[in-house]
Amino acid sequence: MAVGSSFFHHSCINFQQNYLGSLLLCCLTLGCFPGQTQDTLFVNASKIGVALRVQLFSSNQPSADSIHTLANTINQNSLRYVDEISFQDQKRALVFSNTRIFASNFTSQAFDTIPALSQKIIQKRVRIIAGANIIGYSAAMVGLYHAWYKNYPQSSFQFYNDINEWKGMDKIGHVYSAYAESKASMELWRWTGISRKKRIWLGGMSGAVYQTVIEVLDGFSEEWGWSWGDFAANIAGSGLLVAQELAWDEQRIQMKWSFNRKRYDDPILNERSDELFGTGLAERILKDYNGQTYWLSTSLKPFFPKSRLPNWLQISVGTGVEGLFGGYENIGRDENGEVVFDRTDIKRRRQWYLAPDVDLTKIKTKKKGIKVALQILNIIKFPAPSLEYSKGGFRWNWLQF
């Protein structure tokens, strides 16, 4: 992610009338807000890893409009001059461009030397991202149609209650899909330079919109139908992302996914799996709930900022299932309703996991391409040992995928 993709908000503004003093303006990475004083304006610059100190002497109280103008001015491209500036700690900030700005009145004119994204550039980037979303989503829909809907007959629009199907794994999958799509879309809109709230709502709700289109396709499929459970899960996934961005300007609780393709010693189970979930890896990843695990990962550092815990270390809780060879039961029937598969002897079980995880976005790098790759890969759970609870007891897995 480019340096300029950070957006700013005020965490503390407290000035006194006719107070002759100085204003310390710091751009701090998210989560670093210790040592606040009533003369300090903290502006959160998410994920940029640089700090500025500008000391201003003024005899008048700055207006709220000038404060907001300043925050909007120091944007994406504004910080390219200080990309190489580093600091040892929060108390040691370097002066922007080695210059202290003195002014008799605190106005945004003091920062005329800091260029902002022009409206023309913003509009150009908006068109690029809008086009990328349309093309990318269209391609995904074509692929989904061929992988899922192509072999099933169509019907008039209908509703379908599948809330308990596949032990709820389908619903968790909808939450994750909406969350992952919303996160990717929001990061793309961040690059355009639009306002913080716009990119949160526009990108953040994209996942729910995309998934709702799929629900409409389900509604016209004879095999399925519109599911209110799926729709609620889509909203929950996007809501998980939007709520955290509005509250913390970051994802402190991250939803992730992992997959381990299942193979069985019993050839009948392998044949049944091929029939239900497909034979190709792409189909299995999409359809085989027995191999999917969904995780909620969180870093403890933001909740305990004074601790020595590394920023990248996370703890993760996951859930999966095993023994599912049918939506509601392990019975299969042919077109005439005759039972052709009956493995009710196999228990359908829920599994729970506790494991460490890695927040890839906290890995420091100056390479923009690597930063983007780490953002994308961070929706996948990092393989690690896990403590599993299933079959009424605990077991240890040396490596959990």
Protein backbone atom coordinates (compact mmCIF):
# COMPACT_ATOMS: atom_id res chain seq x y z
CA MET A 1 0.00 0.00 0.00
CA ALA A 2 1.33 3.42 -0.93
CA VAL A 3 2.29 5.85 1.79
CA GLY A 4 -0.52 8.17 0.73
CA SER A 5 -3.22 5.58 1.22
CA SER A 6 -3.48 6.60 4.85
CA PHE A 7 -6.37 8.72 6.01
CA PHE A 8 -6.41 10.97 9.00
CA HIS A 9 -8.71 11.72 11.90
CA HIS A 10 -8.32 13.76 15.05
CA SER A 11 -7.98 12.01 18.36
CA CYS A 12 -7.49 15.02 20.59
CA ILE A 13 -8.18 18.71 19.98
CA ASN A 14 -8.19 20.98 22.98
CA PHE A 15 -7.19 24.58 22.74
CA GLN A 16 -7.83 27.51 25.10
CA GLN A 17 -8.91 31.02 24.06
CA ASN A 18 -6.02 33.47 23.58
CA TYR A 19 -3.56 30.79 24.67
CA LEU A 20 -0.03 31.64 23.56
CA GLY A 21 1.81 28.40 23.07
CA SER A 22 2.74 25.72 20.61
CA LEU A 23 0.91 23.01 18.79
CA LEU A 24 2.59 19.66 18.44
CA LEU A 25 1.27 17.85 15.40
CA CYS A 26 2.22 14.19 15.17
CA CYS A 27 1.40 11.65 12.54
CA LEU A 28 1.50 8.38 14.44
CA THR A 29 0.91 4.84 13.34
CA LEU A 30 -2.42 3.41 14.42
CA GLY A 31 -2.76 2.56 18.07
CA CYS A 32 -0.01 4.85 19.43
CA PHE A 33 -1.71 7.53 21.51
CA PRO A 34 0.13 7.74 24.87
CA GLY A 35 1.16 11.00 26.53
CA GLN A 36 -1.74 13.16 25.31
CA THR A 37 -1.85 16.72 26.63
CA GLN A 38 -4.35 19.53 26.20
CA ASP A 39 -1.94 21.39 23.89
CA THR A 40 -1.49 18.42 21.59
CA LEU A 41 -3.31 17.55 18.41
CA PHE A 42 -2.86 13.92 17.47
CA VAL A 43 -3.63 12.94 13.92
CA ASN A 44 -3.75 9.24 13.18
CA ALA A 45 -1.89 8.28 10.03
CA SER A 46 -2.73 4.64 9.59
CA LYS A 47 -0.03 2.24 8.46
CA ILE A 48 2.61 4.69 7.25
CA GLY A 49 5.31 4.22 9.90
CA VAL A 50 6.55 7.82 9.80
CA ALA A 51 6.20 10.77 12.15
CA LEU A 52 6.27 14.50 11.78
CA ARG A 53 6.64 17.30 14.26
CA VAL A 54 5.58 20.79 13.35
CA GLN A 55 5.72 23.41 16.06
CA LEU A 56 3.64 26.50 15.49
CA PHE A 57 3.54 29.67 17.54
CA SER A 58 0.33 31.61 17.37
CA SER A 59 -1.45 34.33 19.31
CA ASN A 60 -4.91 33.32 18.15
CA GLN A 61 -7.01 30.24 18.64
CA PRO A 62 -7.07 28.12 15.49
CA SER A 63 -10.49 27.56 13.95
CA ALA A 64 -12.03 24.13 13.55
CA ASP A 65 -12.13 24.64 9.77
CA SER A 66 -8.39 25.21 9.60
CA ILE A 67 -7.81 22.06 11.64
CA HIS A 68 -9.86 19.99 9.20
CA THR A 69 -8.19 21.65 6.24
CA LEU A 70 -4.81 20.67 7.64
CA ALA A 71 -5.85 17.05 8.17
CA ASN A 72 -7.21 16.82 4.64
CA THR A 73 -4.12 18.47 3.18
CA ILE A 74 -1.65 16.00 4.65
CA ASN A 75 -2.78 13.10 2.50
CA GLN A 76 -1.48 10.34 0.35
CA ASN A 77 0.99 12.19 -1.81
CA SER A 78 1.74 14.78 0.84
CA LEU A 79 3.93 12.41 2.79
CA ARG A 80 6.14 11.27 -0.03
CA TYR A 81 8.75 13.82 1.08
CA VAL A 82 9.08 12.13 4.44
CA ASP A 83 8.95 8.51 3.32
CA GLU A 84 12.55 8.05 4.33
CA ILE A 85 12.19 9.76 7.73
CA SER A 86 12.36 7.38 10.66
CA PHE A 87 12.08 7.84 14.40
CA GLN A 88 13.33 6.01 17.47
CA ASP A 89 10.24 6.49 19.54
CA GLN A 90 7.16 8.63 19.88
CA LYS A 91 8.99 11.32 21.85
CA ARG A 92 11.62 11.85 19.17
CA ALA A 93 9.98 13.18 16.02
CA LEU A 94 11.78 14.87 13.19
CA VAL A 95 10.83 18.32 11.99
CA PHE A 96 9.11 18.18 8.60
CA SER A 97 11.64 19.12 5.92
CA ASN A 98 13.95 20.19 8.79
CA THR A 99 11.84 23.32 9.09
CA ARG A 100 9.81 24.86 11.87
CA ILE A 101 6.86 26.84 10.62
CA PHE A 102 6.09 30.01 12.52
CA ALA A 103 2.83 31.83 11.90
CA SER A 104 0.86 34.59 13.48
CA ASN A 105 -2.37 32.86 12.58
CA PHE A 106 -2.89 29.10 12.46
CA THR A 107 -4.27 28.49 8.98
CA SER A 108 -3.86 25.90 6.29
CA GLN A 109 -1.74 28.41 4.32
CA ALA A 110 1.21 27.38 6.47
CA PHE A 111 1.12 24.07 4.64
CA ASP A 112 0.97 25.34 1.09
CA THR A 113 4.26 23.55 0.49
CA ILE A 114 2.51 20.20 1.05
CA PRO A 115 0.71 19.28 -2.18
CA ALA A 116 -2.64 17.50 -1.98
CA LEU A 117 -4.21 15.14 -4.47
CA SER A 118 -6.02 17.19 -7.06
CA GLN A 119 -9.65 16.51 -7.84
CA LYS A 120 -8.60 15.49 -11.33
CA ILE A 121 -6.27 12.78 -10.01
CA ILE A 122 -8.91 11.54 -7.57
CA GLN A 123 -11.51 11.28 -10.33
CA LYS A 124 -9.05 9.44 -12.56
CA ARG A 125 -8.26 6.91 -9.84
CA VAL A 126 -11.96 6.48 -9.04
CA ARG A 127 -12.59 5.56 -12.68
CA ILE A 128 -9.70 3.08 -12.62
CA ILE A 129 -10.92 1.32 -9.48
CA ALA A 130 -14.54 1.35 -10.62
CA GLY A 131 -13.48 -0.27 -13.88
CA ALA A 132 -11.31 -2.82 -12.07
CA ASN A 133 -14.23 -3.76 -9.81
CA ILE A 134 -16.58 -4.22 -12.76
CA ILE A 135 -14.12 -6.30 -14.79
CA GLY A 136 -12.94 -8.37 -11.83
CA TYR A 137 -16.43 -9.07 -10.52
CA SER A 138 -17.71 -9.97 -13.99
CA ALA A 139 -14.87 -12.45 -14.44
CA ALA A 140 -15.58 -13.95 -11.03
CA MET A 141 -19.27 -14.36 -11.87
CA VAL A 142 -18.43 -16.11 -15.13
CA GLY A 143 -16.14 -18.50 -13.27
CA LEU A 144 -18.75 -19.11 -10.56
CA TYR A 145 -21.42 -19.84 -13.16
CA HIS A 146 -19.29 -22.49 -14.84
CA ALA A 147 -18.21 -24.01 -11.51
CA TRP A 148 -21.60 -23.97 -9.81
CA TYR A 149 -24.75 -23.01 -11.74
CA LYS A 150 -24.07 -24.34 -15.23
CA ASN A 151 -25.17 -27.91 -14.52
CA TYR A 152 -28.40 -27.02 -12.71
CA PRO A 153 -31.77 -26.09 -14.30
CA GLN A 154 -33.27 -22.62 -13.85
CA SER A 155 -36.70 -21.78 -12.41
CA SER A 156 -38.89 -18.87 -11.39
CA PHE A 157 -37.68 -16.89 -8.36
CA GLN A 158 -38.10 -18.91 -5.16
CA PHE A 159 -37.09 -18.89 -1.49
CA TYR A 160 -35.17 -21.58 0.37
CA ASN A 161 -34.58 -22.06 4.10
CA ASP A 162 -31.14 -23.64 4.48
CA ILE A 163 -30.17 -22.20 7.86
CA ASN A 164 -29.17 -25.62 9.29
CA GLU A 165 -27.64 -27.10 6.15
CA TRP A 166 -24.01 -28.29 6.29
CA LYS A 167 -23.97 -27.60 10.05
CA GLY A 168 -23.89 -23.86 9.39
CA MET A 169 -20.59 -23.92 7.52
CA ASP A 170 -22.23 -22.44 4.43
CA LYS A 171 -23.30 -19.41 6.48
CA ILE A 172 -19.83 -18.92 7.95
CA GLY A 173 -18.51 -19.10 4.40
CA HIS A 174 -20.84 -16.29 3.39
CA VAL A 175 -19.62 -14.14 6.29
CA TYR A 176 -16.01 -14.75 5.28
CA SER A 177 -16.60 -14.13 1.56
CA ALA A 178 -18.34 -10.81 2.21
CA TYR A 179 -15.60 -9.79 4.67
CA ALA A 180 -12.74 -10.68 2.30
CA GLU A 181 -14.36 -9.01 -0.71
CA SER A 182 -15.13 -5.89 1.31
CA LYS A 183 -11.57 -5.68 2.61
CA ALA A 184 -10.07 -5.98 -0.87
CA SER A 185 -12.46 -3.41 -2.28
CA MET A 186 -11.88 -0.96 0.58
CA GLU A 187 -8.11 -1.10 0.11
CA LEU A 188 -8.55 -0.35 -3.59
CA TRP A 189 -10.79 2.63 -2.84
CA ARG A 190 -8.29 3.87 -0.26
CA TRP A 191 -5.78 4.39 -3.05
CA THR A 192 -8.13 6.70 -4.95
CA GLY A 193 -7.87 9.46 -2.33
CA ILE A 194 -11.58 9.71 -1.54
CA SER A 195 -12.54 10.58 2.01
CA ARG A 196 -12.12 8.08 4.82
CA LYS A 197 -15.82 7.46 5.42
CA LYS A 198 -16.56 7.17 1.72
CA ARG A 199 -13.98 4.48 1.14
CA ILE A 200 -15.11 2.62 4.28
CA TRP A 201 -18.76 2.55 3.25
CA LEU A 202 -18.21 2.19 -0.49
CA GLY A 203 -15.56 -0.51 -0.21
CA GLY A 204 -16.82 -2.02 3.04
CA MET A 205 -20.31 -2.81 1.78
CA SER A 206 -19.10 -4.09 -1.59
CA GLY A 207 -18.87 -7.64 -0.29
CA ALA A 208 -22.50 -7.67 0.81
CA VAL A 209 -23.58 -6.28 -2.56
CA TYR A 210 -21.50 -8.81 -4.51
CA GLN A 211 -22.81 -11.71 -2.44
CA THR A 212 -26.40 -10.50 -2.75
CA VAL A 213 -26.10 -10.78 -6.53
CA ILE A 214 -25.19 -14.44 -5.98
CA GLU A 215 -28.30 -14.81 -3.82
CA VAL A 216 -30.39 -13.56 -6.72
CA LEU A 217 -28.82 -16.22 -8.95
CA ASP A 218 -29.67 -18.80 -6.28
CA GLY A 219 -33.23 -17.53 -6.29
CA PHE A 220 -33.62 -18.42 -9.97
CA SER A 221 -31.99 -21.85 -9.56
CA GLU A 222 -34.24 -24.90 -9.30
CA GLU A 223 -31.74 -26.54 -6.97
CA TRP A 224 -31.64 -23.70 -4.41
CA GLY A 225 -33.42 -20.39 -3.82
CA TRP A 226 -33.06 -17.01 -2.14
CA SER A 227 -31.83 -17.61 1.42
CA TRP A 228 -32.45 -15.00 4.09
CA GLY A 229 -29.80 -16.77 6.18
CA ASP A 230 -27.23 -16.22 3.44
CA PHE A 231 -28.28 -12.58 3.08
CA ALA A 232 -27.90 -11.97 6.83
CA ALA A 233 -24.46 -13.63 6.76
CA ASN A 234 -23.39 -11.36 3.88
CA ILE A 235 -24.38 -8.27 5.85
CA ALA A 236 -22.59 -9.61 8.93
CA GLY A 237 -19.35 -10.08 6.99
CA SER A 238 -19.31 -6.58 5.58
CA GLY A 239 -20.51 -5.19 8.91
CA LEU A 240 -17.57 -6.81 10.71
CA LEU A 241 -15.17 -4.88 8.52
CA VAL A 242 -17.05 -1.55 8.46
CA ALA A 243 -17.61 -1.45 12.22
CA GLN A 244 -13.92 -1.94 13.00
CA GLU A 245 -12.79 0.63 10.45
CA LEU A 246 -15.16 3.23 11.86
CA ALA A 247 -14.22 2.43 15.46
CA TRP A 248 -10.46 1.76 15.22
CA ASP A 249 -9.42 2.59 11.65
CA GLU A 250 -7.99 -0.93 11.42
CA GLN A 251 -9.03 -4.58 11.59
CA ARG A 252 -8.21 -5.70 15.10
CA ILE A 253 -10.33 -8.84 14.64
CA GLN A 254 -9.49 -10.41 11.28
CA MET A 255 -11.44 -13.19 9.62
CA LYS A 256 -9.28 -15.80 7.89
CA TRP A 257 -9.63 -19.13 6.10
CA SER A 258 -7.63 -22.30 5.57
CA PHE A 259 -8.20 -25.45 3.55
CA ASN A 260 -6.94 -29.03 3.68
CA ARG A 261 -8.17 -31.36 0.95
CA LYS A 262 -9.67 -34.51 2.43
CA ARG A 263 -8.86 -37.96 1.12
CA TYR A 264 -10.35 -41.14 2.58
CA ASP A 265 -9.27 -44.76 2.79
CA ASP A 266 -12.81 -45.81 1.88
CA PRO A 267 -13.26 -45.53 -1.92
CA ILE A 268 -17.02 -45.07 -1.48
CA LEU A 269 -16.40 -41.86 0.52
CA ASN A 270 -14.00 -40.58 -2.14
CA GLU A 271 -16.59 -41.28 -4.81
CA ARG A 272 -19.29 -39.50 -2.81
CA SER A 273 -16.98 -36.51 -2.27
CA ASP A 274 -16.25 -36.31 -6.01
CA GLU A 275 -19.99 -36.34 -6.69
CA LEU A 276 -20.84 -33.65 -4.15
CA PHE A 277 -17.78 -31.40 -4.19
CA GLY A 278 -16.17 -31.98 -7.59
CA THR A 279 -12.82 -33.47 -8.54
CA GLY A 280 -10.79 -30.32 -9.21
CA LEU A 281 -8.97 -28.36 -6.52
CA ALA A 282 -10.89 -25.14 -7.27
CA GLU A 283 -14.24 -26.89 -6.85
CA ARG A 284 -13.12 -28.60 -3.65
CA ILE A 285 -11.94 -25.31 -2.15
CA LEU A 286 -15.32 -23.77 -2.91
CA LYS A 287 -17.62 -26.65 -1.99
CA ASP A 288 -15.99 -29.15 0.38
CA TYR A 289 -16.88 -27.99 3.89
CA ASN A 290 -15.01 -30.94 5.40
CA GLY A 291 -11.73 -29.34 4.36
CA GLN A 292 -12.52 -25.73 5.25
CA THR A 293 -11.65 -23.98 8.51
CA TYR A 294 -12.68 -20.42 9.33
CA TRP A 295 -10.75 -18.34 11.86
CA LEU A 296 -11.01 -15.15 13.86
CA SER A 297 -7.52 -13.78 14.56
CA THR A 298 -6.62 -10.86 16.76
CA SER A 299 -3.40 -9.20 17.85
CA LEU A 300 -3.12 -8.61 21.57
CA LYS A 301 -0.81 -5.60 21.15
CA PRO A 302 -3.54 -3.03 20.31
CA PHE A 303 -5.47 -4.04 23.42
CA PHE A 304 -2.31 -4.05 25.57
CA PRO A 305 -0.16 -1.30 24.00
CA LYS A 306 2.32 -1.19 26.91
CA SER A 307 3.18 -4.88 26.63
CA ARG A 308 6.24 -6.26 24.84
CA LEU A 309 4.19 -8.48 22.57
CA PRO A 310 5.23 -8.23 18.90
CA ASN A 311 2.74 -6.47 16.63
CA TRP A 312 2.56 -9.38 14.21
CA LEU A 313 1.72 -12.08 16.77
CA GLN A 314 -1.93 -13.10 16.85
CA ILE A 315 -4.11 -15.63 18.60
CA SER A 316 -6.76 -17.33 16.51
CA VAL A 317 -9.96 -19.31 17.16
CA GLY A 318 -11.17 -21.53 14.33
CA THR A 319 -14.03 -23.86 13.51
CA GLY A 320 -14.55 -26.64 10.99
CA VAL A 321 -16.52 -29.85 10.44
CA GLU A 322 -15.92 -33.46 9.48
CA GLY A 323 -18.06 -36.38 8.33
CA LEU A 324 -20.42 -34.32 6.15
CA PHE A 325 -21.56 -36.23 3.04
CA GLY A 326 -24.88 -34.49 2.61
CA GLY A 327 -26.50 -31.20 3.49
CA TYR A 328 -28.55 -32.47 6.42
CA GLU A 329 -27.69 -36.18 6.66
CA ASN A 330 -25.26 -38.65 5.15
CA ILE A 331 -27.82 -40.09 2.78
CA GLY A 332 -27.91 -39.75 -1.00
CA ARG A 333 -30.87 -40.42 -3.32
CA ASP A 334 -31.22 -40.72 -7.06
CA GLU A 335 -33.75 -38.91 -9.26
CA ASN A 336 -36.46 -41.40 -8.32
CA GLY A 337 -35.88 -40.90 -4.59
CA GLU A 338 -34.19 -44.23 -4.10
CA VAL A 339 -31.37 -44.33 -1.52
CA VAL A 340 -28.06 -44.88 -3.30
CA PHE A 341 -25.74 -43.76 -0.49
CA ASP A 342 -26.26 -44.37 3.21
CA ARG A 343 -23.45 -43.67 5.67
CA THR A 344 -25.44 -42.64 8.71
CA ASP A 345 -22.87 -44.60 10.69
CA ILE A 346 -20.44 -41.68 10.21
CA LYS A 347 -20.83 -38.99 12.86
CA ARG A 348 -21.21 -35.42 11.64
CA ARG A 349 -18.97 -33.40 13.97
CA ARG A 350 -18.03 -29.81 14.67
CA GLN A 351 -14.36 -29.03 15.40
CA TRP A 352 -12.87 -26.09 17.31
CA TYR A 353 -9.28 -24.87 17.19
CA LEU A 354 -7.01 -22.54 19.13
CA ALA A 355 -3.78 -21.57 17.41
CA PRO A 356 -1.20 -18.80 17.04
CA ASP A 357 -1.27 -16.74 13.88
CA VAL A 358 0.73 -14.09 12.04
CA ASP A 359 -0.56 -10.70 10.94
CA LEU A 360 1.25 -10.38 7.62
CA THR A 361 0.34 -6.69 7.31
CA LYS A 362 2.60 -5.94 10.28
CA ILE A 363 5.69 -7.18 8.46
CA LYS A 364 7.74 -4.10 7.62
CA THR A 365 8.78 -3.59 4.01
CA LYS A 366 9.34 -0.63 1.70
CA LYS A 367 8.33 -2.58 -1.40
CA LYS A 368 4.83 -1.54 -2.43
CA GLY A 369 4.22 -4.75 -4.34
CA ILE A 370 5.12 -6.84 -1.31
CA LYS A 371 2.83 -4.73 0.88
CA VAL A 372 -0.09 -5.38 -1.47
CA ALA A 373 0.72 -9.11 -1.56
CA LEU A 374 0.83 -9.27 2.25
CA GLN A 375 -2.57 -7.52 2.45
CA ILE A 376 -4.07 -10.12 0.11
CA LEU A 377 -2.43 -13.12 1.78
CA ASN A 378 -3.55 -11.95 5.21
CA ILE A 379 -7.05 -13.34 4.61
CA ILE A 380 -5.49 -16.82 4.74
CA LYS A 381 -4.61 -18.40 8.09
CA PHE A 382 -0.90 -18.99 8.58
CA PRO A 383 -0.18 -22.74 9.14
CA ALA A 384 0.73 -23.35 12.78
CA PRO A 385 0.31 -25.87 15.61
CA SER A 386 -3.19 -25.96 17.11
CA LEU A 387 -5.17 -27.27 20.04
CA GLU A 388 -8.28 -29.04 18.72
CA TYR A 389 -11.51 -29.82 20.54
CA SER A 390 -13.69 -32.49 18.89
CA LYS A 391 -15.26 -35.87 19.69
CA GLY A 392 -15.70 -34.68 23.27
CA GLY A 393 -11.98 -34.21 23.95
CA PHE A 394 -8.80 -32.33 23.13
CA ARG A 395 -5.98 -33.26 20.76
CA TRP A 396 -2.79 -31.55 19.62
CA ASN A 397 -2.01 -30.90 15.95
CA TRP A 398 1.60 -30.11 15.19
CA LEU A 399 0.62 -28.30 11.99
CA GLN A 400 -2.92 -27.08 11.27
CA PHE A 401 -3.90 -25.98 7.76
